[in-house]
Amino acid sequence: MTRAIIGRAPRQGPTEIPTIDMSTSLGNLHLLAPVLTASGCASSGRELDQFFDITLIGGIVTKSVMLHPRAGRPTPRMAETPSGMLNSIGLQGPGVEAFIERDLAWLDQRGVTTVVSIAGTSVDEYARIAQKLRNASGISAIEVNISCPNVDARDQVFACDPDAAGHVVQAVRRHSDPRTPILVKLSPDVTDITEIAQSVARSGAHGLSVINTALGMVIDVDTMRPKLAGVTGGLSGPAIRPIAVRCVWQIRKVLPDIPILGMGGIRTGLDALQFILAGANAVSVGTMVFNDPSAPLRVQNELALALHERGFGSLREAVSYAHRAHADGSVVDLRPGDHEDS
């Protein structure tokens, strides 16, 4: 049994919490703790390591890596929104070779559980990135970001088409180390996210990351033009949390066994608990780190306390619990085991 890690929330003292098993799994990736960072919000973890020991959380999900260096979109490319933010960074990065040499080497030396997020504009590009990562050390899992435009299909986004999404997953599987779990990051901007989820599962995905940002737009009423140079951007933060929880819930109903890494607007342990109850096996904290760099560890501690207060002896007991309670027609504040004698 793993003792929940004690941390310090902003402007608060450390809170003692009871021993509780917080271990979980995403396929054959076994985690001692259930909270990871979200791709794109903490680069490769160096900055966050100044605020807390990043080896104490479940792991680091890196910024999406592409085959070649990429400058990203022109500025302005970020805009604040009510309960969230829009970003139009455009997958800026040094390319996979520089990433392996610099960032992945540092993460490996630091002893961090590392999920490498990858992105591409064609199926072949995803395959080539996977091939370059195949023999690199320090990779715990690969997250396939399929929310990139497919240049072979006139800018259609892979995540919006079941067949295109499946082809990407198959290519990554063929060129990756077979021992490395493959998670696929899904977009909420689809008619039926369960259709995409089932397609990538059939194509060999070991797990799902749910969800990516939602497409949004802001217009400056003074200039009367779009605020972002790229016009649209990805909406993240608390504004999308109900959408994200809904997506996790729907996917868990149709795919009861596939591992899910849930994310989208998580600020507190209670927010994280919603995802766990809806069917997530672990969660990622993203946008909140811009306000509170220690958020991943704080959320993890708060989640452990929330689980204990509701009578759970482990995180695993809480995964998908809301589905079971709902099926039993039980009251909202049902505690573990209460329904057995009703």
C-alpha atoms as a PDB file:
ATOM      1  CA  MET A   1       0.000   0.000   0.000  1.00  0.00           C
ATOM      2  CA  THR A   2       1.336   3.429  -0.952  1.00  0.00           C
ATOM      3  CA  ARG A   3       1.102   6.257   1.519  1.00  0.00           C
ATOM      4  CA  ALA A   4      -0.488   9.347   0.010  1.00  0.00           C
ATOM      5  CA  ILE A   5       2.122  12.041  -0.467  1.00  0.00           C
ATOM      6  CA  ILE A   6       1.866  15.070   1.769  1.00  0.00           C
ATOM      7  CA  GLY A   7       2.298  18.433   0.072  1.00  0.00           C
ATOM      8  CA  ARG A   8       1.631  22.084   0.670  1.00  0.00           C
ATOM      9  CA  ALA A   9      -1.222  23.948  -0.967  1.00  0.00           C
ATOM     10  CA  PRO A  10      -0.685  27.652  -1.645  1.00  0.00           C
ATOM     11  CA  ARG A  11      -0.939  29.778   1.506  1.00  0.00           C
ATOM     12  CA  GLN A  12      -1.817  26.744   3.587  1.00  0.00           C
ATOM     13  CA  GLY A  13       0.092  24.470   5.927  1.00  0.00           C
ATOM     14  CA  PRO A  14       0.668  20.761   5.226  1.00  0.00           C
ATOM     15  CA  THR A  15      -2.384  18.597   5.812  1.00  0.00           C
ATOM     16  CA  GLU A  16      -1.989  15.165   7.348  1.00  0.00           C
ATOM     17  CA  ILE A  17      -4.072  12.564   5.567  1.00  0.00           C
ATOM     18  CA  PRO A  18      -4.595   8.890   6.346  1.00  0.00           C
ATOM     19  CA  THR A  19      -2.801   6.096   4.565  1.00  0.00           C
ATOM     20  CA  ILE A  20      -4.599   5.192   1.341  1.00  0.00           C
ATOM     21  CA  ASP A  21      -3.521   3.183  -1.688  1.00  0.00           C
ATOM     22  CA  MET A  22      -3.256   5.706  -4.544  1.00  0.00           C
ATOM     23  CA  SER A  23      -1.670   3.339  -7.060  1.00  0.00           C
ATOM     24  CA  THR A  24      -3.273   2.824 -10.446  1.00  0.00           C
ATOM     25  CA  SER A  25      -2.518   1.534 -13.942  1.00  0.00           C
ATOM     26  CA  LEU A  26      -2.831   2.720 -17.520  1.00  0.00           C
ATOM     27  CA  GLY A  27      -2.509  -0.549 -19.376  1.00  0.00           C
ATOM     28  CA  ASN A  28       0.823  -2.052 -18.377  1.00  0.00           C
ATOM     29  CA  LEU A  29       2.019   1.314 -17.078  1.00  0.00           C
ATOM     30  CA  HIS A  30       1.800   1.013 -13.305  1.00  0.00           C
ATOM     31  CA  LEU A  31       1.722   4.283 -11.364  1.00  0.00           C
ATOM     32  CA  LEU A  32       2.274   4.779  -7.645  1.00  0.00           C
ATOM     33  CA  ALA A  33       0.219   7.974  -7.824  1.00  0.00           C
ATOM     34  CA  PRO A  34      -2.699   8.997 -10.074  1.00  0.00           C
ATOM     35  CA  VAL A  35      -1.970  12.629 -11.012  1.00  0.00           C
ATOM     36  CA  LEU A  36       0.143  13.558 -14.036  1.00  0.00           C
ATOM     37  CA  THR A  37       0.761  16.821 -15.831  1.00  0.00           C
ATOM     38  CA  ALA A  38      -1.133  17.569 -19.042  1.00  0.00           C
ATOM     39  CA  SER A  39       0.698  17.897 -22.326  1.00  0.00           C
ATOM     40  CA  GLY A  40       1.603  21.428 -23.338  1.00  0.00           C
ATOM     41  CA  CYS A  41       1.281  23.028 -19.920  1.00  0.00           C
ATOM     42  CA  ALA A  42       4.598  22.152 -18.296  1.00  0.00           C
ATOM     43  CA  SER A  43       6.957  21.505 -21.228  1.00  0.00           C
ATOM     44  CA  SER A  44       9.047  18.598 -19.960  1.00  0.00           C
ATOM     45  CA  GLY A  45       8.796  19.336 -16.265  1.00  0.00           C
ATOM     46  CA  ARG A  46      11.973  21.308 -15.588  1.00  0.00           C
ATOM     47  CA  GLU A  47      10.099  24.442 -14.578  1.00  0.00           C
ATOM     48  CA  LEU A  48       7.713  22.622 -12.233  1.00  0.00           C
ATOM     49  CA  ASP A  49      10.597  20.814 -10.552  1.00  0.00           C
ATOM     50  CA  GLN A  50      11.551  24.158  -9.030  1.00  0.00           C
ATOM     51  CA  PHE A  51       8.270  24.184  -7.078  1.00  0.00           C
ATOM     52  CA  PHE A  52       7.879  20.538  -6.038  1.00  0.00           C
ATOM     53  CA  ASP A  53       9.564  17.186  -6.494  1.00  0.00           C
ATOM     54  CA  ILE A  54       8.096  15.979  -9.769  1.00  0.00           C
ATOM     55  CA  THR A  55       8.964  12.354  -8.947  1.00  0.00           C
ATOM     56  CA  LEU A  56       6.214  12.430  -6.281  1.00  0.00           C
ATOM     57  CA  ILE A  57       3.346  12.652  -8.769  1.00  0.00           C
ATOM     58  CA  GLY A  58       2.218   9.986 -11.209  1.00  0.00           C
ATOM     59  CA  GLY A  59       4.321  11.315 -14.051  1.00  0.00           C
ATOM     60  CA  ILE A  60       5.062  14.005 -16.610  1.00  0.00           C
ATOM     61  CA  VAL A  61       3.257  14.118 -19.948  1.00  0.00           C
ATOM     62  CA  THR A  62       5.520  16.108 -22.239  1.00  0.00           C
ATOM     63  CA  LYS A  63       4.561  18.814 -24.683  1.00  0.00           C
ATOM     64  CA  SER A  64       3.661  17.182 -28.004  1.00  0.00           C
ATOM     65  CA  VAL A  65       6.814  16.411 -29.975  1.00  0.00           C
ATOM     66  CA  MET A  66       6.930  16.665 -33.755  1.00  0.00           C
ATOM     67  CA  LEU A  67       9.373  15.226 -36.278  1.00  0.00           C
ATOM     68  CA  HIS A  68      11.083  18.513 -37.123  1.00  0.00           C
ATOM     69  CA  PRO A  69      11.602  21.815 -35.239  1.00  0.00           C
ATOM     70  CA  ARG A  70       8.523  24.015 -35.392  1.00  0.00           C
ATOM     71  CA  ALA A  71       8.219  27.732 -34.645  1.00  0.00           C
ATOM     72  CA  GLY A  72       4.484  27.630 -34.003  1.00  0.00           C
ATOM     73  CA  ARG A  73       1.875  30.208 -34.874  1.00  0.00           C
ATOM     74  CA  PRO A  74       2.399  33.987 -34.917  1.00  0.00           C
ATOM     75  CA  THR A  75       1.531  36.126 -31.902  1.00  0.00           C
ATOM     76  CA  PRO A  76      -0.759  36.949 -30.240  1.00  0.00           C
ATOM     77  CA  ARG A  77      -1.495  33.315 -29.534  1.00  0.00           C
ATOM     78  CA  MET A  78      -2.996  33.281 -26.052  1.00  0.00           C
ATOM     79  CA  ALA A  79      -6.131  34.926 -24.686  1.00  0.00           C
ATOM     80  CA  GLU A  80      -7.815  34.771 -21.292  1.00  0.00           C
ATOM     81  CA  THR A  81     -11.455  33.697 -21.224  1.00  0.00           C
ATOM     82  CA  PRO A  82     -14.027  33.330 -18.424  1.00  0.00           C
ATOM     83  CA  SER A  83     -12.894  30.326 -16.354  1.00  0.00           C
ATOM     84  CA  GLY A  84     -10.265  29.383 -18.894  1.00  0.00           C
ATOM     85  CA  MET A  85      -7.862  30.374 -21.610  1.00  0.00           C
ATOM     86  CA  LEU A  86      -7.434  30.053 -25.359  1.00  0.00           C
ATOM     87  CA  ASN A  87      -4.100  29.044 -26.814  1.00  0.00           C
ATOM     88  CA  SER A  88      -2.975  28.942 -30.405  1.00  0.00           C
ATOM     89  CA  ILE A  89       0.674  28.017 -29.840  1.00  0.00           C
ATOM     90  CA  GLY A  90       0.810  25.737 -32.865  1.00  0.00           C
ATOM     91  CA  LEU A  91       2.909  22.899 -31.394  1.00  0.00           C
ATOM     92  CA  GLN A  92       6.099  24.930 -31.146  1.00  0.00           C
ATOM     93  CA  GLY A  93       9.064  22.717 -30.332  1.00  0.00           C
ATOM     94  CA  PRO A  94      12.623  21.638 -31.130  1.00  0.00           C
ATOM     95  CA  GLY A  95      11.783  18.408 -32.979  1.00  0.00           C
ATOM     96  CA  VAL A  96      12.083  14.820 -31.817  1.00  0.00           C
ATOM     97  CA  GLU A  97      15.871  14.442 -32.079  1.00  0.00           C
ATOM     98  CA  ALA A  98      16.602  17.496 -29.915  1.00  0.00           C
ATOM     99  CA  PHE A  99      13.870  16.367 -27.522  1.00  0.00           C
ATOM    100  CA  ILE A 100      15.495  12.959 -27.060  1.00  0.00           C
ATOM    101  CA  GLU A 101      18.937  14.436 -26.557  1.00  0.00           C
ATOM    102  CA  ARG A 102      17.960  17.176 -24.124  1.00  0.00           C
ATOM    103  CA  ASP A 103      14.549  16.808 -22.489  1.00  0.00           C
ATOM    104  CA  LEU A 104      14.075  13.045 -22.456  1.00  0.00           C
ATOM    105  CA  ALA A 105      17.640  12.514 -21.221  1.00  0.00           C
ATOM    106  CA  TRP A 106      17.000  14.906 -18.328  1.00  0.00           C
ATOM    107  CA  LEU A 107      13.701  13.237 -17.411  1.00  0.00           C
ATOM    108  CA  ASP A 108      15.346   9.811 -17.505  1.00  0.00           C
ATOM    109  CA  GLN A 109      18.175  11.004 -15.265  1.00  0.00           C
ATOM    110  CA  ARG A 110      15.681  12.620 -12.910  1.00  0.00           C
ATOM    111  CA  GLY A 111      13.855   9.289 -12.552  1.00  0.00           C
ATOM    112  CA  VAL A 112      10.479  10.591 -13.707  1.00  0.00           C
ATOM    113  CA  THR A 113       7.697   8.447 -15.136  1.00  0.00           C
ATOM    114  CA  THR A 114       7.526   9.992 -18.609  1.00  0.00           C
ATOM    115  CA  VAL A 115       4.685   9.873 -21.107  1.00  0.00           C
ATOM    116  CA  VAL A 116       5.924  11.294 -24.401  1.00  0.00           C
ATOM    117  CA  SER A 117       3.210  13.072 -26.370  1.00  0.00           C
ATOM    118  CA  ILE A 118       3.696  13.024 -30.149  1.00  0.00           C
ATOM    119  CA  ALA A 119       1.983  14.881 -32.993  1.00  0.00           C
ATOM    120  CA  GLY A 120       2.168  14.837 -36.762  1.00  0.00           C
ATOM    121  CA  THR A 121       0.531  16.112 -39.927  1.00  0.00           C
ATOM    122  CA  SER A 122       0.466  12.761 -41.722  1.00  0.00           C
ATOM    123  CA  VAL A 123       0.339   9.091 -40.819  1.00  0.00           C
ATOM    124  CA  ASP A 124       3.904   8.714 -42.070  1.00  0.00           C
ATOM    125  CA  GLU A 125       5.121  11.501 -39.796  1.00  0.00           C
ATOM    126  CA  TYR A 126       3.635   9.815 -36.733  1.00  0.00           C
ATOM    127  CA  ALA A 127       5.309   6.561 -37.781  1.00  0.00           C
ATOM    128  CA  ARG A 128       8.707   8.228 -38.197  1.00  0.00           C
ATOM    129  CA  ILE A 129       8.496   9.867 -34.788  1.00  0.00           C
ATOM    130  CA  ALA A 130       7.564   6.547 -33.192  1.00  0.00           C
ATOM    131  CA  GLN A 131      10.508   4.894 -34.932  1.00  0.00           C
ATOM    132  CA  LYS A 132      12.933   7.484 -33.540  1.00  0.00           C
ATOM    133  CA  LEU A 133      11.548   6.997 -30.031  1.00  0.00           C
ATOM    134  CA  ARG A 134      11.620   3.192 -30.255  1.00  0.00           C
ATOM    135  CA  ASN A 135      15.122   2.756 -28.862  1.00  0.00           C
ATOM    136  CA  ALA A 136      15.221   5.839 -26.642  1.00  0.00           C
ATOM    137  CA  SER A 137      15.493   5.180 -22.921  1.00  0.00           C
ATOM    138  CA  GLY A 138      13.245   6.688 -20.282  1.00  0.00           C
ATOM    139  CA  ILE A 139       9.889   6.391 -22.068  1.00  0.00           C
ATOM    140  CA  SER A 140       7.101   4.981 -19.896  1.00  0.00           C
ATOM    141  CA  ALA A 141       4.308   5.449 -22.461  1.00  0.00           C
ATOM    142  CA  ILE A 142       3.462   7.358 -25.638  1.00  0.00           C
ATOM    143  CA  GLU A 143       0.487   9.681 -25.931  1.00  0.00           C
ATOM    144  CA  VAL A 144      -0.641  10.098 -29.534  1.00  0.00           C
ATOM    145  CA  ASN A 145      -2.092  13.565 -30.041  1.00  0.00           C
ATOM    146  CA  ILE A 146      -4.413  13.100 -33.018  1.00  0.00           C
ATOM    147  CA  SER A 147      -5.896  16.608 -32.888  1.00  0.00           C
ATOM    148  CA  CYS A 148      -3.530  17.804 -35.614  1.00  0.00           C
ATOM    149  CA  PRO A 149      -4.709  18.654 -39.145  1.00  0.00           C
ATOM    150  CA  ASN A 150      -4.246  15.816 -41.622  1.00  0.00           C
ATOM    151  CA  VAL A 151      -2.462  17.396 -44.592  1.00  0.00           C
ATOM    152  CA  ASP A 152      -3.210  14.320 -46.677  1.00  0.00           C
ATOM    153  CA  ALA A 153      -6.941  14.954 -46.250  1.00  0.00           C
ATOM    154  CA  ARG A 154      -7.186  18.697 -46.849  1.00  0.00           C
ATOM    155  CA  ASP A 155      -6.717  19.775 -43.222  1.00  0.00           C
ATOM    156  CA  GLN A 156      -9.171  17.272 -41.779  1.00  0.00           C
ATOM    157  CA  VAL A 157      -8.297  16.607 -38.139  1.00  0.00           C
ATOM    158  CA  PHE A 158      -7.373  12.970 -37.451  1.00  0.00           C
ATOM    159  CA  ALA A 159      -9.348  12.969 -34.193  1.00  0.00           C
ATOM    160  CA  CYS A 160     -12.578  13.770 -36.042  1.00  0.00           C
ATOM    161  CA  ASP A 161     -12.512  10.751 -38.341  1.00  0.00           C
ATOM    162  CA  PRO A 162     -12.622   7.181 -36.975  1.00  0.00           C
ATOM    163  CA  ASP A 163     -10.720   5.667 -39.907  1.00  0.00           C
ATOM    164  CA  ALA A 164      -7.994   8.341 -39.980  1.00  0.00           C
ATOM    165  CA  ALA A 165      -7.551   8.090 -36.224  1.00  0.00           C
ATOM    166  CA  GLY A 166      -7.280   4.319 -36.458  1.00  0.00           C
ATOM    167  CA  HIS A 167      -4.636   4.515 -39.191  1.00  0.00           C
ATOM    168  CA  VAL A 168      -2.465   6.769 -37.012  1.00  0.00           C
ATOM    169  CA  VAL A 169      -2.694   4.363 -34.084  1.00  0.00           C
ATOM    170  CA  GLN A 170      -1.822   1.378 -36.261  1.00  0.00           C
ATOM    171  CA  ALA A 171       1.238   3.188 -37.635  1.00  0.00           C
ATOM    172  CA  VAL A 172       2.474   4.162 -34.185  1.00  0.00           C
ATOM    173  CA  ARG A 173       1.938   0.616 -32.888  1.00  0.00           C
ATOM    174  CA  ARG A 174       3.914  -0.888 -35.786  1.00  0.00           C
ATOM    175  CA  HIS A 175       6.912   1.359 -35.197  1.00  0.00           C
ATOM    176  CA  SER A 176       6.973   1.498 -31.390  1.00  0.00           C
ATOM    177  CA  ASP A 177       8.467  -0.840 -28.846  1.00  0.00           C
ATOM    178  CA  PRO A 178       5.641  -3.372 -28.297  1.00  0.00           C
ATOM    179  CA  ARG A 179       6.191  -3.070 -24.537  1.00  0.00           C
ATOM    180  CA  THR A 180       5.385   0.660 -24.574  1.00  0.00           C
ATOM    181  CA  PRO A 181       1.729   1.526 -23.831  1.00  0.00           C
ATOM    182  CA  ILE A 182       0.057   3.734 -26.431  1.00  0.00           C
ATOM    183  CA  LEU A 183      -2.488   6.284 -25.198  1.00  0.00           C
ATOM    184  CA  VAL A 184      -4.543   8.227 -27.741  1.00  0.00           C
ATOM    185  CA  LYS A 185      -5.623  11.787 -26.969  1.00  0.00           C
ATOM    186  CA  LEU A 186      -9.170  12.482 -28.123  1.00  0.00           C
ATOM    187  CA  SER A 187     -10.861  15.726 -29.105  1.00  0.00           C
ATOM    188  CA  PRO A 188     -14.277  16.800 -27.791  1.00  0.00           C
ATOM    189  CA  ASP A 189     -15.022  18.523 -31.103  1.00  0.00           C
ATOM    190  CA  VAL A 190     -16.784  15.522 -32.619  1.00  0.00           C
ATOM    191  CA  THR A 191     -20.369  14.388 -32.982  1.00  0.00           C
ATOM    192  CA  ASP A 192     -19.813  11.161 -31.044  1.00  0.00           C
ATOM    193  CA  ILE A 193     -16.550  10.754 -29.125  1.00  0.00           C
ATOM    194  CA  THR A 194     -17.361   7.128 -28.349  1.00  0.00           C
ATOM    195  CA  GLU A 195     -17.158   6.308 -32.064  1.00  0.00           C
ATOM    196  CA  ILE A 196     -13.589   7.629 -32.208  1.00  0.00           C
ATOM    197  CA  ALA A 197     -12.714   5.895 -28.939  1.00  0.00           C
ATOM    198  CA  GLN A 198     -13.933   2.534 -30.193  1.00  0.00           C
ATOM    199  CA  SER A 199     -12.063   2.942 -33.471  1.00  0.00           C
ATOM    200  CA  VAL A 200      -8.681   3.632 -31.855  1.00  0.00           C
ATOM    201  CA  ALA A 201      -9.281   0.835 -29.351  1.00  0.00           C
ATOM    202  CA  ARG A 202      -9.865  -1.603 -32.207  1.00  0.00           C
ATOM    203  CA  SER A 203      -6.692  -0.297 -33.855  1.00  0.00           C
ATOM    204  CA  GLY A 204      -4.574  -1.193 -30.860  1.00  0.00           C
ATOM    205  CA  ALA A 205      -4.623   1.728 -28.444  1.00  0.00           C
ATOM    206  CA  HIS A 206      -3.804   0.591 -24.920  1.00  0.00           C
ATOM    207  CA  GLY A 207      -5.562   3.584 -23.360  1.00  0.00           C
ATOM    208  CA  LEU A 208      -7.174   6.970 -23.961  1.00  0.00           C
ATOM    209  CA  SER A 209      -6.382  10.537 -22.892  1.00  0.00           C
ATOM    210  CA  VAL A 210      -9.685  12.377 -22.517  1.00  0.00           C
ATOM    211  CA  ILE A 211      -9.934  15.230 -23.495  1.00  0.00           C
ATOM    212  CA  ASN A 212      -7.898  17.669 -25.553  1.00  0.00           C
ATOM    213  CA  THR A 213      -8.875  21.336 -25.681  1.00  0.00           C
ATOM    214  CA  ALA A 214     -12.132  22.458 -27.287  1.00  0.00           C
ATOM    215  CA  LEU A 215     -11.942  24.752 -30.299  1.00  0.00           C
ATOM    216  CA  GLY A 216     -12.850  28.340 -29.426  1.00  0.00           C
ATOM    217  CA  MET A 217     -12.539  31.940 -30.551  1.00  0.00           C
ATOM    218  CA  VAL A 218     -12.465  35.437 -29.052  1.00  0.00           C
ATOM    219  CA  ILE A 219     -13.090  38.706 -30.880  1.00  0.00           C
ATOM    220  CA  ASP A 220     -11.605  41.973 -29.604  1.00  0.00           C
ATOM    221  CA  VAL A 221     -14.533  44.390 -29.568  1.00  0.00           C
ATOM    222  CA  ASP A 222     -12.200  47.407 -29.759  1.00  0.00           C
ATOM    223  CA  THR A 223     -10.294  46.318 -32.863  1.00  0.00           C
ATOM    224  CA  MET A 224     -13.287  44.237 -34.019  1.00  0.00           C
ATOM    225  CA  ARG A 225     -10.897  41.502 -35.098  1.00  0.00           C
ATOM    226  CA  PRO A 226     -10.063  38.051 -33.718  1.00  0.00           C
ATOM    227  CA  LYS A 227      -7.766  38.328 -30.692  1.00  0.00           C
ATOM    228  CA  LEU A 228      -5.617  35.401 -31.808  1.00  0.00           C
ATOM    229  CA  ALA A 229      -3.428  35.711 -34.887  1.00  0.00           C
ATOM    230  CA  GLY A 230      -4.479  32.183 -35.791  1.00  0.00           C
ATOM    231  CA  VAL A 231      -8.156  33.183 -35.344  1.00  0.00           C
ATOM    232  CA  THR A 232      -9.151  30.066 -33.356  1.00  0.00           C
ATOM    233  CA  GLY A 233      -7.473  28.331 -30.444  1.00  0.00           C
ATOM    234  CA  GLY A 234      -7.860  25.561 -27.919  1.00  0.00           C
ATOM    235  CA  LEU A 235     -10.050  26.334 -24.912  1.00  0.00           C
ATOM    236  CA  SER A 236      -8.812  24.859 -21.637  1.00  0.00           C
ATOM    237  CA  GLY A 237      -9.404  25.399 -17.930  1.00  0.00           C
ATOM    238  CA  PRO A 238     -12.442  24.953 -15.654  1.00  0.00           C
ATOM    239  CA  ALA A 239     -14.815  26.045 -18.434  1.00  0.00           C
ATOM    240  CA  ILE A 240     -14.415  22.691 -20.186  1.00  0.00           C
ATOM    241  CA  ARG A 241     -14.505  20.416 -17.124  1.00  0.00           C
ATOM    242  CA  PRO A 242     -18.193  19.402 -17.470  1.00  0.00           C
ATOM    243  CA  ILE A 243     -17.539  18.516 -21.109  1.00  0.00           C
ATOM    244  CA  ALA A 244     -14.503  16.453 -20.154  1.00  0.00           C
ATOM    245  CA  VAL A 245     -16.326  14.572 -17.382  1.00  0.00           C
ATOM    246  CA  ARG A 246     -19.171  13.840 -19.797  1.00  0.00           C
ATOM    247  CA  CYS A 247     -16.725  12.440 -22.359  1.00  0.00           C
ATOM    248  CA  VAL A 248     -15.049  10.179 -19.789  1.00  0.00           C
ATOM    249  CA  TRP A 249     -18.476   8.957 -18.634  1.00  0.00           C
ATOM    250  CA  GLN A 250     -19.661   8.174 -22.179  1.00  0.00           C
ATOM    251  CA  ILE A 251     -16.472   6.357 -23.146  1.00  0.00           C
ATOM    252  CA  ARG A 252     -16.442   4.306 -19.964  1.00  0.00           C
ATOM    253  CA  LYS A 253     -19.997   3.127 -20.691  1.00  0.00           C
ATOM    254  CA  VAL A 254     -19.068   1.695 -24.095  1.00  0.00           C
ATOM    255  CA  LEU A 255     -15.502   0.627 -23.242  1.00  0.00           C
ATOM    256  CA  PRO A 256     -15.699  -0.646 -19.659  1.00  0.00           C
ATOM    257  CA  ASP A 257     -12.137  -1.983 -19.549  1.00  0.00           C
ATOM    258  CA  ILE A 258      -9.952   0.473 -21.450  1.00  0.00           C
ATOM    259  CA  PRO A 259      -7.659   2.645 -19.278  1.00  0.00           C
ATOM    260  CA  ILE A 260      -8.557   6.347 -19.310  1.00  0.00           C
ATOM    261  CA  LEU A 261      -6.378   9.317 -18.385  1.00  0.00           C
ATOM    262  CA  GLY A 262      -8.903  12.078 -17.674  1.00  0.00           C
ATOM    263  CA  MET A 263      -8.211  15.805 -17.980  1.00  0.00           C
ATOM    264  CA  GLY A 264      -9.895  19.134 -18.536  1.00  0.00           C
ATOM    265  CA  GLY A 265     -10.149  21.991 -16.057  1.00  0.00           C
ATOM    266  CA  ILE A 266      -8.998  20.178 -12.915  1.00  0.00           C
ATOM    267  CA  ARG A 267      -8.225  22.670 -10.131  1.00  0.00           C
ATOM    268  CA  THR A 268      -8.760  20.656  -6.946  1.00  0.00           C
ATOM    269  CA  GLY A 269      -8.881  17.136  -5.601  1.00  0.00           C
ATOM    270  CA  LEU A 270     -12.679  17.207  -5.768  1.00  0.00           C
ATOM    271  CA  ASP A 271     -12.477  18.091  -9.453  1.00  0.00           C
ATOM    272  CA  ALA A 272     -10.157  15.128  -9.965  1.00  0.00           C
ATOM    273  CA  LEU A 273     -12.555  12.903  -8.026  1.00  0.00           C
ATOM    274  CA  GLN A 274     -15.314  13.638 -10.553  1.00  0.00           C
ATOM    275  CA  PHE A 275     -13.142  12.172 -13.303  1.00  0.00           C
ATOM    276  CA  ILE A 276     -12.267   9.097 -11.236  1.00  0.00           C
ATOM    277  CA  LEU A 277     -15.925   8.448 -10.382  1.00  0.00           C
ATOM    278  CA  ALA A 278     -16.837   8.888 -14.058  1.00  0.00           C
ATOM    279  CA  GLY A 279     -14.363   6.197 -15.087  1.00  0.00           C
ATOM    280  CA  ALA A 280     -10.868   7.688 -15.317  1.00  0.00           C
ATOM    281  CA  ASN A 281      -8.022   5.579 -13.936  1.00  0.00           C
ATOM    282  CA  ALA A 282      -5.756   8.606 -13.533  1.00  0.00           C
ATOM    283  CA  VAL A 283      -5.912  12.343 -14.243  1.00  0.00           C
ATOM    284  CA  SER A 284      -3.788  15.120 -15.708  1.00  0.00           C
ATOM    285  CA  VAL A 285      -3.568  18.678 -14.391  1.00  0.00           C
ATOM    286  CA  GLY A 286      -2.808  21.320 -16.998  1.00  0.00           C
ATOM    287  CA  THR A 287      -3.954  24.934 -17.162  1.00  0.00           C
ATOM    288  CA  MET A 288      -4.019  25.284 -13.368  1.00  0.00           C
ATOM    289  CA  VAL A 289      -0.209  25.205 -13.239  1.00  0.00           C
ATOM    290  CA  PHE A 290      -0.104  28.679 -14.795  1.00  0.00           C
ATOM    291  CA  ASN A 291      -1.749  29.984 -11.620  1.00  0.00           C
ATOM    292  CA  ASP A 292      -0.333  27.455  -9.157  1.00  0.00           C
ATOM    293  CA  PRO A 293       2.808  25.594 -10.279  1.00  0.00           C
ATOM    294  CA  SER A 294       2.440  23.168  -7.373  1.00  0.00           C
ATOM    295  CA  ALA A 295      -1.098  22.202  -8.473  1.00  0.00           C
ATOM    296  CA  PRO A 296      -0.366  18.592  -9.578  1.00  0.00           C
ATOM    297  CA  LEU A 297       0.966  17.574  -6.166  1.00  0.00           C
ATOM    298  CA  ARG A 298      -1.644  19.607  -4.287  1.00  0.00           C
ATOM    299  CA  VAL A 299      -4.486  18.045  -6.312  1.00  0.00           C
ATOM    300  CA  GLN A 300      -3.039  14.603  -5.671  1.00  0.00           C
ATOM    301  CA  ASN A 301      -3.037  15.180  -1.894  1.00  0.00           C
ATOM    302  CA  GLU A 302      -6.541  16.644  -1.958  1.00  0.00           C
ATOM    303  CA  LEU A 303      -7.772  13.667  -3.973  1.00  0.00           C
ATOM    304  CA  ALA A 304      -6.375  11.246  -1.390  1.00  0.00           C
ATOM    305  CA  LEU A 305      -8.162  13.122   1.388  1.00  0.00           C
ATOM    306  CA  ALA A 306     -11.428  13.249  -0.591  1.00  0.00           C
ATOM    307  CA  LEU A 307     -11.291   9.489  -1.195  1.00  0.00           C
ATOM    308  CA  HIS A 308     -10.712   8.769   2.495  1.00  0.00           C
ATOM    309  CA  GLU A 309     -13.549  11.071   3.562  1.00  0.00           C
ATOM    310  CA  ARG A 310     -15.923   9.105   1.318  1.00  0.00           C
ATOM    311  CA  GLY A 311     -14.906   5.757   2.741  1.00  0.00           C
ATOM    312  CA  PHE A 312     -12.667   4.486  -0.041  1.00  0.00           C
ATOM    313  CA  GLY A 313      -9.619   2.472   0.955  1.00  0.00           C
ATOM    314  CA  SER A 314      -7.954   2.881  -2.419  1.00  0.00           C
ATOM    315  CA  LEU A 315      -8.184   4.901  -5.584  1.00  0.00           C
ATOM    316  CA  ARG A 316      -9.070   1.782  -7.572  1.00  0.00           C
ATOM    317  CA  GLU A 317     -12.278   1.315  -5.540  1.00  0.00           C
ATOM    318  CA  ALA A 318     -13.488   4.725  -6.711  1.00  0.00           C
ATOM    319  CA  VAL A 319     -12.842   4.246 -10.437  1.00  0.00           C
ATOM    320  CA  SER A 320     -16.239   4.218 -12.230  1.00  0.00           C
ATOM    321  CA  TYR A 321     -18.098   4.247  -8.908  1.00  0.00           C
ATOM    322  CA  ALA A 322     -20.648   6.774 -10.196  1.00  0.00           C
ATOM    323  CA  HIS A 323     -21.663   4.292 -12.896  1.00  0.00           C
ATOM    324  CA  ARG A 324     -22.379   1.617 -10.324  1.00  0.00           C
ATOM    325  CA  ALA A 325     -24.255   4.018  -8.055  1.00  0.00           C
ATOM    326  CA  HIS A 326     -26.302   5.306 -10.982  1.00  0.00           C
ATOM    327  CA  ALA A 327     -27.162   1.788 -12.135  1.00  0.00           C
ATOM    328  CA  ASP A 328     -28.351   0.934  -8.620  1.00  0.00           C
ATOM    329  CA  GLY A 329     -30.608   4.014  -8.549  1.00  0.00           C
ATOM    330  CA  SER A 330     -28.817   5.092  -5.392  1.00  0.00           C
ATOM    331  CA  VAL A 331     -28.711   8.548  -3.856  1.00  0.00           C
ATOM    332  CA  VAL A 332     -25.995  10.965  -4.912  1.00  0.00           C
ATOM    333  CA  ASP A 333     -24.064  10.856  -1.620  1.00  0.00           C
ATOM    334  CA  LEU A 334     -23.911   7.058  -1.523  1.00  0.00           C
ATOM    335  CA  ARG A 335     -20.798   5.753   0.262  1.00  0.00           C
ATOM    336  CA  PRO A 336     -18.969   2.566  -0.743  1.00  0.00           C
ATOM    337  CA  GLY A 337     -20.950  -0.465   0.366  1.00  0.00           C
ATOM    338  CA  ASP A 338     -24.111   1.453   1.365  1.00  0.00           C
ATOM    339  CA  HIS A 339     -26.101   0.039  -1.549  1.00  0.00           C
ATOM    340  CA  GLU A 340     -25.457  -3.561  -0.568  1.00  0.00           C
ATOM    341  CA  ASP A 341     -28.036  -3.579   2.246  1.00  0.00           C
ATOM    342  CA  SER A 342     -30.593  -1.311   0.588  1.00  0.00           C
END
